[in-house]
Amino acid sequence: MAVSERTGIDELLERIREDLDRVEPKEAHAAAADGALLVDIRYAALRERDGLIPGALVVERNELEWRLDPRGSHRAPEAVSHDLRVVVICNEGYASSLAAASLRQLGLHRATDLIGGFQAWKSAGLPVEQ
């Protein structure tokens, strides 16, 4: 990669987010009620510390693409179609943007992420279980 082609993470996030229809916590909650799949990619220590979003599929970030690819041999039962609306949730809404972009590269064209991540969900007073 030539020097002029190098990009910092802030620039990369900005570019990626231009193509995502990112959602606020209440929008994500409503989307889940309408059949969207919420996917929690936080690592175990954060889930244990802060709790879980009821109904969210927990998938560690390093397994995400394998578990969500509808054509993959290791897919989760919930990964039924490339048309599935997926809302990726990390702790604060940074890693989830990168993860959603990766899912879009697999053809999950409705993948997006939660603005502010789990912390925004919790701050909005939405359901959390321990």
N, C-alpha and C. Protein backbone atom coordinates (compact mmCIF):
# COMPACT_ATOMS: atom_id res chain seq x y z
N MET A 1 0.85 -1.17 0.00
CA MET A 1 0.00 0.00 0.00
C MET A 1 0.90 1.24 0.00
N ALA A 2 0.67 2.12 -0.92
CA ALA A 2 1.45 3.34 -1.01
C ALA A 2 1.09 4.28 0.14
N VAL A 3 2.03 5.13 0.50
CA VAL A 3 1.82 6.05 1.61
C VAL A 3 0.56 6.88 1.43
N SER A 4 0.30 7.33 0.22
CA SER A 4 -0.88 8.17 -0.02
C SER A 4 -2.19 7.40 0.17
N GLU A 5 -2.14 6.06 0.18
CA GLU A 5 -3.34 5.24 0.33
C GLU A 5 -3.59 4.85 1.77
N ARG A 6 -2.71 5.15 2.66
CA ARG A 6 -2.88 4.77 4.06
C ARG A 6 -3.97 5.60 4.70
N THR A 7 -4.72 4.94 5.56
CA THR A 7 -5.84 5.58 6.22
C THR A 7 -5.77 5.28 7.71
N GLY A 8 -6.03 6.28 8.53
CA GLY A 8 -6.12 6.06 9.97
C GLY A 8 -7.50 5.52 10.32
N ILE A 9 -7.63 4.99 11.53
CA ILE A 9 -8.89 4.39 11.95
C ILE A 9 -10.03 5.40 11.97
N ASP A 10 -9.78 6.63 12.35
CA ASP A 10 -10.85 7.63 12.38
C ASP A 10 -11.40 7.88 10.98
N GLU A 11 -10.50 7.97 9.99
CA GLU A 11 -10.94 8.17 8.61
C GLU A 11 -11.68 6.94 8.09
N LEU A 12 -11.17 5.76 8.44
CA LEU A 12 -11.82 4.53 8.01
C LEU A 12 -13.23 4.44 8.59
N LEU A 13 -13.39 4.71 9.87
CA LEU A 13 -14.72 4.69 10.49
C LEU A 13 -15.66 5.68 9.82
N GLU A 14 -15.17 6.85 9.53
CA GLU A 14 -15.99 7.87 8.88
C GLU A 14 -16.49 7.37 7.52
N ARG A 15 -15.59 6.79 6.74
CA ARG A 15 -15.96 6.27 5.42
C ARG A 15 -16.98 5.14 5.53
N ILE A 16 -16.70 4.21 6.43
CA ILE A 16 -17.60 3.06 6.61
C ILE A 16 -18.98 3.52 7.03
N ARG A 17 -19.03 4.45 7.97
CA ARG A 17 -20.32 4.89 8.50
C ARG A 17 -21.15 5.65 7.48
N GLU A 18 -20.54 6.19 6.46
CA GLU A 18 -21.30 6.85 5.39
C GLU A 18 -22.22 5.87 4.68
N ASP A 19 -21.83 4.60 4.65
CA ASP A 19 -22.61 3.58 3.95
C ASP A 19 -23.56 2.81 4.87
N LEU A 20 -23.51 3.07 6.17
CA LEU A 20 -24.36 2.37 7.12
C LEU A 20 -25.55 3.24 7.51
N ASP A 21 -26.69 2.62 7.64
CA ASP A 21 -27.87 3.31 8.16
C ASP A 21 -27.90 3.01 9.66
N ARG A 22 -26.98 3.64 10.39
CA ARG A 22 -26.81 3.36 11.82
C ARG A 22 -28.07 3.73 12.58
N VAL A 23 -28.34 3.01 13.67
CA VAL A 23 -29.56 3.21 14.43
C VAL A 23 -29.28 3.61 15.87
N GLU A 24 -30.19 4.39 16.41
CA GLU A 24 -30.18 4.78 17.82
C GLU A 24 -30.78 3.62 18.62
N PRO A 25 -30.58 3.60 19.94
CA PRO A 25 -31.08 2.49 20.75
C PRO A 25 -32.57 2.19 20.59
N LYS A 26 -33.42 3.21 20.64
CA LYS A 26 -34.86 2.95 20.53
C LYS A 26 -35.23 2.42 19.15
N GLU A 27 -34.51 2.87 18.12
CA GLU A 27 -34.74 2.34 16.77
C GLU A 27 -34.35 0.86 16.70
N ALA A 28 -33.23 0.52 17.34
CA ALA A 28 -32.78 -0.88 17.36
C ALA A 28 -33.79 -1.76 18.10
N HIS A 29 -34.32 -1.26 19.20
CA HIS A 29 -35.31 -2.00 19.96
C HIS A 29 -36.55 -2.27 19.10
N ALA A 30 -37.02 -1.24 18.40
CA ALA A 30 -38.17 -1.38 17.52
C ALA A 30 -37.86 -2.32 16.36
N ALA A 31 -36.66 -2.23 15.81
CA ALA A 31 -36.26 -3.10 14.70
C ALA A 31 -36.27 -4.56 15.14
N ALA A 32 -35.80 -4.82 16.35
CA ALA A 32 -35.82 -6.19 16.86
C ALA A 32 -37.24 -6.71 16.99
N ALA A 33 -38.14 -5.85 17.43
CA ALA A 33 -39.56 -6.23 17.53
C ALA A 33 -40.15 -6.54 16.16
N ASP A 34 -39.57 -5.94 15.11
CA ASP A 34 -40.02 -6.17 13.74
C ASP A 34 -39.24 -7.28 13.03
N GLY A 35 -38.40 -8.01 13.77
CA GLY A 35 -37.70 -9.15 13.19
C GLY A 35 -36.23 -8.98 12.92
N ALA A 36 -35.67 -7.80 13.19
CA ALA A 36 -34.22 -7.63 13.01
C ALA A 36 -33.48 -8.47 14.03
N LEU A 37 -32.30 -8.90 13.67
CA LEU A 37 -31.45 -9.68 14.55
C LEU A 37 -30.44 -8.76 15.22
N LEU A 38 -30.53 -8.64 16.54
CA LEU A 38 -29.52 -7.91 17.30
C LEU A 38 -28.38 -8.87 17.59
N VAL A 39 -27.15 -8.45 17.31
CA VAL A 39 -25.99 -9.31 17.50
C VAL A 39 -25.00 -8.60 18.41
N ASP A 40 -24.79 -9.17 19.58
CA ASP A 40 -23.89 -8.63 20.59
C ASP A 40 -22.51 -9.22 20.41
N ILE A 41 -21.53 -8.38 20.03
CA ILE A 41 -20.17 -8.87 19.79
C ILE A 41 -19.22 -8.53 20.93
N ARG A 42 -19.76 -8.02 22.05
CA ARG A 42 -18.89 -7.69 23.19
C ARG A 42 -18.24 -8.96 23.74
N TYR A 43 -17.05 -8.80 24.30
CA TYR A 43 -16.39 -9.96 24.88
C TYR A 43 -17.01 -10.31 26.23
N ALA A 44 -16.78 -11.53 26.66
CA ALA A 44 -17.46 -12.12 27.82
C ALA A 44 -17.37 -11.26 29.08
N ALA A 45 -16.23 -10.68 29.36
CA ALA A 45 -16.08 -9.89 30.59
C ALA A 45 -17.04 -8.70 30.61
N LEU A 46 -17.26 -8.07 29.48
CA LEU A 46 -18.21 -6.95 29.42
C LEU A 46 -19.64 -7.43 29.56
N ARG A 47 -19.95 -8.56 28.96
CA ARG A 47 -21.30 -9.10 29.11
C ARG A 47 -21.57 -9.49 30.56
N GLU A 48 -20.59 -10.09 31.20
CA GLU A 48 -20.74 -10.47 32.61
C GLU A 48 -20.87 -9.25 33.51
N ARG A 49 -20.12 -8.21 33.21
CA ARG A 49 -20.14 -7.00 34.03
C ARG A 49 -21.43 -6.21 33.85
N ASP A 50 -21.86 -6.03 32.58
CA ASP A 50 -22.95 -5.10 32.29
C ASP A 50 -24.29 -5.75 31.97
N GLY A 51 -24.30 -7.02 31.65
CA GLY A 51 -25.54 -7.70 31.32
C GLY A 51 -25.71 -7.91 29.83
N LEU A 52 -26.90 -8.43 29.49
CA LEU A 52 -27.22 -8.81 28.11
C LEU A 52 -28.50 -8.13 27.66
N ILE A 53 -28.62 -7.96 26.38
CA ILE A 53 -29.86 -7.48 25.79
C ILE A 53 -30.72 -8.71 25.54
N PRO A 54 -31.91 -8.77 26.13
CA PRO A 54 -32.76 -9.95 25.94
C PRO A 54 -33.04 -10.20 24.45
N GLY A 55 -32.85 -11.43 24.03
CA GLY A 55 -33.11 -11.81 22.65
C GLY A 55 -31.95 -11.59 21.69
N ALA A 56 -30.91 -10.89 22.11
CA ALA A 56 -29.77 -10.66 21.22
C ALA A 56 -28.96 -11.94 21.07
N LEU A 57 -28.47 -12.17 19.88
CA LEU A 57 -27.58 -13.28 19.61
C LEU A 57 -26.17 -12.86 20.02
N VAL A 58 -25.54 -13.64 20.88
CA VAL A 58 -24.18 -13.34 21.31
C VAL A 58 -23.22 -14.09 20.40
N VAL A 59 -22.36 -13.32 19.74
CA VAL A 59 -21.34 -13.89 18.85
C VAL A 59 -20.06 -13.11 19.08
N GLU A 60 -19.03 -13.79 19.52
CA GLU A 60 -17.74 -13.11 19.69
C GLU A 60 -17.30 -12.54 18.35
N ARG A 61 -16.66 -11.40 18.38
CA ARG A 61 -16.27 -10.70 17.15
C ARG A 61 -15.46 -11.59 16.21
N ASN A 62 -14.57 -12.41 16.76
CA ASN A 62 -13.71 -13.23 15.90
C ASN A 62 -14.48 -14.36 15.21
N GLU A 63 -15.74 -14.59 15.56
CA GLU A 63 -16.55 -15.62 14.92
C GLU A 63 -17.67 -15.03 14.06
N LEU A 64 -17.80 -13.73 14.06
CA LEU A 64 -18.98 -13.08 13.48
C LEU A 64 -19.27 -13.50 12.04
N GLU A 65 -18.31 -13.38 11.17
CA GLU A 65 -18.55 -13.67 9.76
C GLU A 65 -18.94 -15.14 9.55
N TRP A 66 -18.32 -16.04 10.27
CA TRP A 66 -18.63 -17.46 10.14
C TRP A 66 -20.04 -17.77 10.64
N ARG A 67 -20.47 -17.10 11.66
CA ARG A 67 -21.78 -17.38 12.26
C ARG A 67 -22.93 -16.69 11.53
N LEU A 68 -22.65 -15.57 10.84
CA LEU A 68 -23.72 -14.81 10.19
C LEU A 68 -23.82 -15.02 8.68
N ASP A 69 -22.85 -15.69 8.07
CA ASP A 69 -22.92 -15.95 6.63
C ASP A 69 -24.01 -16.99 6.38
N PRO A 70 -25.11 -16.61 5.71
CA PRO A 70 -26.20 -17.55 5.47
C PRO A 70 -25.79 -18.79 4.68
N ARG A 71 -24.69 -18.70 3.92
CA ARG A 71 -24.22 -19.85 3.14
C ARG A 71 -23.11 -20.61 3.84
N GLY A 72 -22.71 -20.14 5.02
CA GLY A 72 -21.57 -20.74 5.71
C GLY A 72 -21.89 -22.05 6.41
N SER A 73 -20.90 -22.89 6.49
CA SER A 73 -21.08 -24.19 7.15
C SER A 73 -21.15 -24.07 8.67
N HIS A 74 -20.75 -22.96 9.22
CA HIS A 74 -20.77 -22.75 10.67
C HIS A 74 -21.78 -21.68 11.08
N ARG A 75 -22.76 -21.43 10.23
CA ARG A 75 -23.70 -20.35 10.49
C ARG A 75 -24.60 -20.65 11.68
N ALA A 76 -25.03 -19.58 12.33
CA ALA A 76 -26.01 -19.68 13.41
C ALA A 76 -27.37 -19.95 12.78
N PRO A 77 -28.27 -20.64 13.47
CA PRO A 77 -29.60 -20.90 12.92
C PRO A 77 -30.35 -19.62 12.53
N GLU A 78 -30.04 -18.51 13.19
CA GLU A 78 -30.70 -17.24 12.91
C GLU A 78 -30.25 -16.62 11.58
N ALA A 79 -29.13 -17.04 11.05
CA ALA A 79 -28.58 -16.48 9.80
C ALA A 79 -29.26 -17.14 8.61
N VAL A 80 -30.48 -16.71 8.35
CA VAL A 80 -31.33 -17.38 7.36
C VAL A 80 -31.25 -16.79 5.96
N SER A 81 -30.79 -15.55 5.82
CA SER A 81 -30.86 -14.90 4.51
C SER A 81 -29.93 -13.70 4.45
N HIS A 82 -29.50 -13.38 3.23
CA HIS A 82 -28.72 -12.16 3.03
C HIS A 82 -29.59 -10.92 3.19
N ASP A 83 -30.91 -11.09 3.20
CA ASP A 83 -31.84 -9.98 3.38
C ASP A 83 -32.14 -9.69 4.85
N LEU A 84 -31.62 -10.52 5.74
CA LEU A 84 -31.85 -10.33 7.17
C LEU A 84 -31.32 -8.98 7.63
N ARG A 85 -32.13 -8.27 8.38
CA ARG A 85 -31.65 -7.01 8.97
C ARG A 85 -30.88 -7.37 10.23
N VAL A 86 -29.63 -6.96 10.28
CA VAL A 86 -28.74 -7.25 11.40
C VAL A 86 -28.28 -5.93 12.01
N VAL A 87 -28.39 -5.82 13.33
CA VAL A 87 -27.88 -4.66 14.05
C VAL A 87 -26.78 -5.18 14.98
N VAL A 88 -25.55 -4.80 14.67
CA VAL A 88 -24.40 -5.25 15.45
C VAL A 88 -24.20 -4.30 16.63
N ILE A 89 -23.92 -4.89 17.80
CA ILE A 89 -23.77 -4.11 19.02
C ILE A 89 -22.44 -4.46 19.68
N CYS A 90 -21.62 -3.44 19.88
CA CYS A 90 -20.41 -3.60 20.67
C CYS A 90 -20.60 -2.79 21.95
N ASN A 91 -19.55 -2.46 22.64
CA ASN A 91 -19.71 -1.75 23.91
C ASN A 91 -20.08 -0.28 23.72
N GLU A 92 -19.39 0.41 22.79
CA GLU A 92 -19.62 1.85 22.64
C GLU A 92 -19.88 2.30 21.21
N GLY A 93 -19.98 1.37 20.26
CA GLY A 93 -20.36 1.73 18.90
C GLY A 93 -19.22 1.99 17.94
N TYR A 94 -18.05 1.46 18.22
CA TYR A 94 -16.92 1.63 17.29
C TYR A 94 -16.63 0.34 16.54
N ALA A 95 -16.31 -0.72 17.27
CA ALA A 95 -16.03 -2.01 16.64
C ALA A 95 -17.23 -2.52 15.85
N SER A 96 -18.42 -2.17 16.29
CA SER A 96 -19.63 -2.63 15.61
C SER A 96 -19.74 -2.04 14.20
N SER A 97 -19.25 -0.84 13.99
CA SER A 97 -19.28 -0.25 12.64
C SER A 97 -18.40 -1.06 11.70
N LEU A 98 -17.21 -1.41 12.17
CA LEU A 98 -16.30 -2.22 11.36
C LEU A 98 -16.90 -3.60 11.09
N ALA A 99 -17.54 -4.17 12.11
CA ALA A 99 -18.15 -5.50 11.98
C ALA A 99 -19.31 -5.46 10.98
N ALA A 100 -20.14 -4.43 11.05
CA ALA A 100 -21.27 -4.31 10.12
C ALA A 100 -20.77 -4.18 8.69
N ALA A 101 -19.70 -3.43 8.49
CA ALA A 101 -19.12 -3.29 7.15
C ALA A 101 -18.64 -4.64 6.63
N SER A 102 -18.06 -5.43 7.50
CA SER A 102 -17.59 -6.75 7.11
C SER A 102 -18.76 -7.65 6.71
N LEU A 103 -19.85 -7.58 7.46
CA LEU A 103 -21.04 -8.37 7.12
C LEU A 103 -21.61 -7.93 5.77
N ARG A 104 -21.56 -6.65 5.49
CA ARG A 104 -22.04 -6.17 4.19
C ARG A 104 -21.19 -6.73 3.06
N GLN A 105 -19.90 -6.90 3.29
CA GLN A 105 -19.04 -7.50 2.27
C GLN A 105 -19.42 -8.95 2.01
N LEU A 106 -20.04 -9.60 2.98
CA LEU A 106 -20.53 -10.97 2.80
C LEU A 106 -21.89 -11.01 2.13
N GLY A 107 -22.45 -9.84 1.83
CA GLY A 107 -23.74 -9.78 1.16
C GLY A 107 -24.92 -9.50 2.08
N LEU A 108 -24.67 -9.31 3.37
CA LEU A 108 -25.74 -8.96 4.30
C LEU A 108 -25.98 -7.45 4.18
N HIS A 109 -26.68 -7.06 3.12
CA HIS A 109 -26.78 -5.67 2.70
C HIS A 109 -27.57 -4.79 3.68
N ARG A 110 -28.29 -5.38 4.62
CA ARG A 110 -29.05 -4.60 5.59
C ARG A 110 -28.34 -4.54 6.95
N ALA A 111 -27.11 -5.00 7.02
CA ALA A 111 -26.36 -4.96 8.28
C ALA A 111 -26.01 -3.52 8.63
N THR A 112 -26.12 -3.20 9.90
CA THR A 112 -25.76 -1.89 10.41
C THR A 112 -25.32 -2.05 11.86
N ASP A 113 -25.17 -0.94 12.57
CA ASP A 113 -24.78 -1.04 13.97
C ASP A 113 -25.50 -0.03 14.83
N LEU A 114 -25.36 -0.22 16.12
CA LEU A 114 -26.02 0.60 17.12
C LEU A 114 -25.13 1.77 17.52
N ILE A 115 -25.60 2.98 17.31
CA ILE A 115 -24.86 4.18 17.70
C ILE A 115 -24.70 4.18 19.23
N GLY A 116 -23.48 4.25 19.69
CA GLY A 116 -23.21 4.28 21.13
C GLY A 116 -23.15 2.91 21.78
N GLY A 117 -23.45 1.87 21.02
CA GLY A 117 -23.32 0.50 21.50
C GLY A 117 -24.19 0.16 22.70
N PHE A 118 -23.79 -0.88 23.42
CA PHE A 118 -24.53 -1.36 24.57
C PHE A 118 -24.71 -0.27 25.62
N GLN A 119 -23.69 0.55 25.79
CA GLN A 119 -23.77 1.59 26.82
C GLN A 119 -24.90 2.57 26.52
N ALA A 120 -25.11 2.89 25.24
CA ALA A 120 -26.22 3.78 24.86
C ALA A 120 -27.56 3.08 25.07
N TRP A 121 -27.61 1.79 24.75
CA TRP A 121 -28.82 0.99 24.96
C TRP A 121 -29.22 1.05 26.44
N LYS A 122 -28.24 0.78 27.29
CA LYS A 122 -28.48 0.75 28.74
C LYS A 122 -28.89 2.14 29.24
N SER A 123 -28.20 3.17 28.77
CA SER A 123 -28.51 4.56 29.18
C SER A 123 -29.90 5.00 28.74
N ALA A 124 -30.40 4.40 27.64
CA ALA A 124 -31.73 4.73 27.15
C ALA A 124 -32.83 4.03 27.97
N GLY A 125 -32.43 3.21 28.94
CA GLY A 125 -33.39 2.53 29.78
C GLY A 125 -34.06 1.34 29.13
N LEU A 126 -33.43 0.81 28.08
CA LEU A 126 -33.99 -0.35 27.39
C LEU A 126 -33.63 -1.63 28.16
N PRO A 127 -34.35 -2.72 27.89
CA PRO A 127 -34.18 -3.94 28.70
C PRO A 127 -32.76 -4.51 28.70
N VAL A 128 -32.31 -4.86 29.89
CA VAL A 128 -31.01 -5.51 30.10
C VAL A 128 -31.24 -6.57 31.15
N GLU A 129 -30.68 -7.75 30.92
CA GLU A 129 -30.77 -8.80 31.94
C GLU A 129 -29.37 -9.20 32.37
N GLN A 130 -29.25 -9.57 33.61
CA GLN A 130 -27.95 -10.00 34.16
C GLN A 130 -27.71 -11.46 33.93
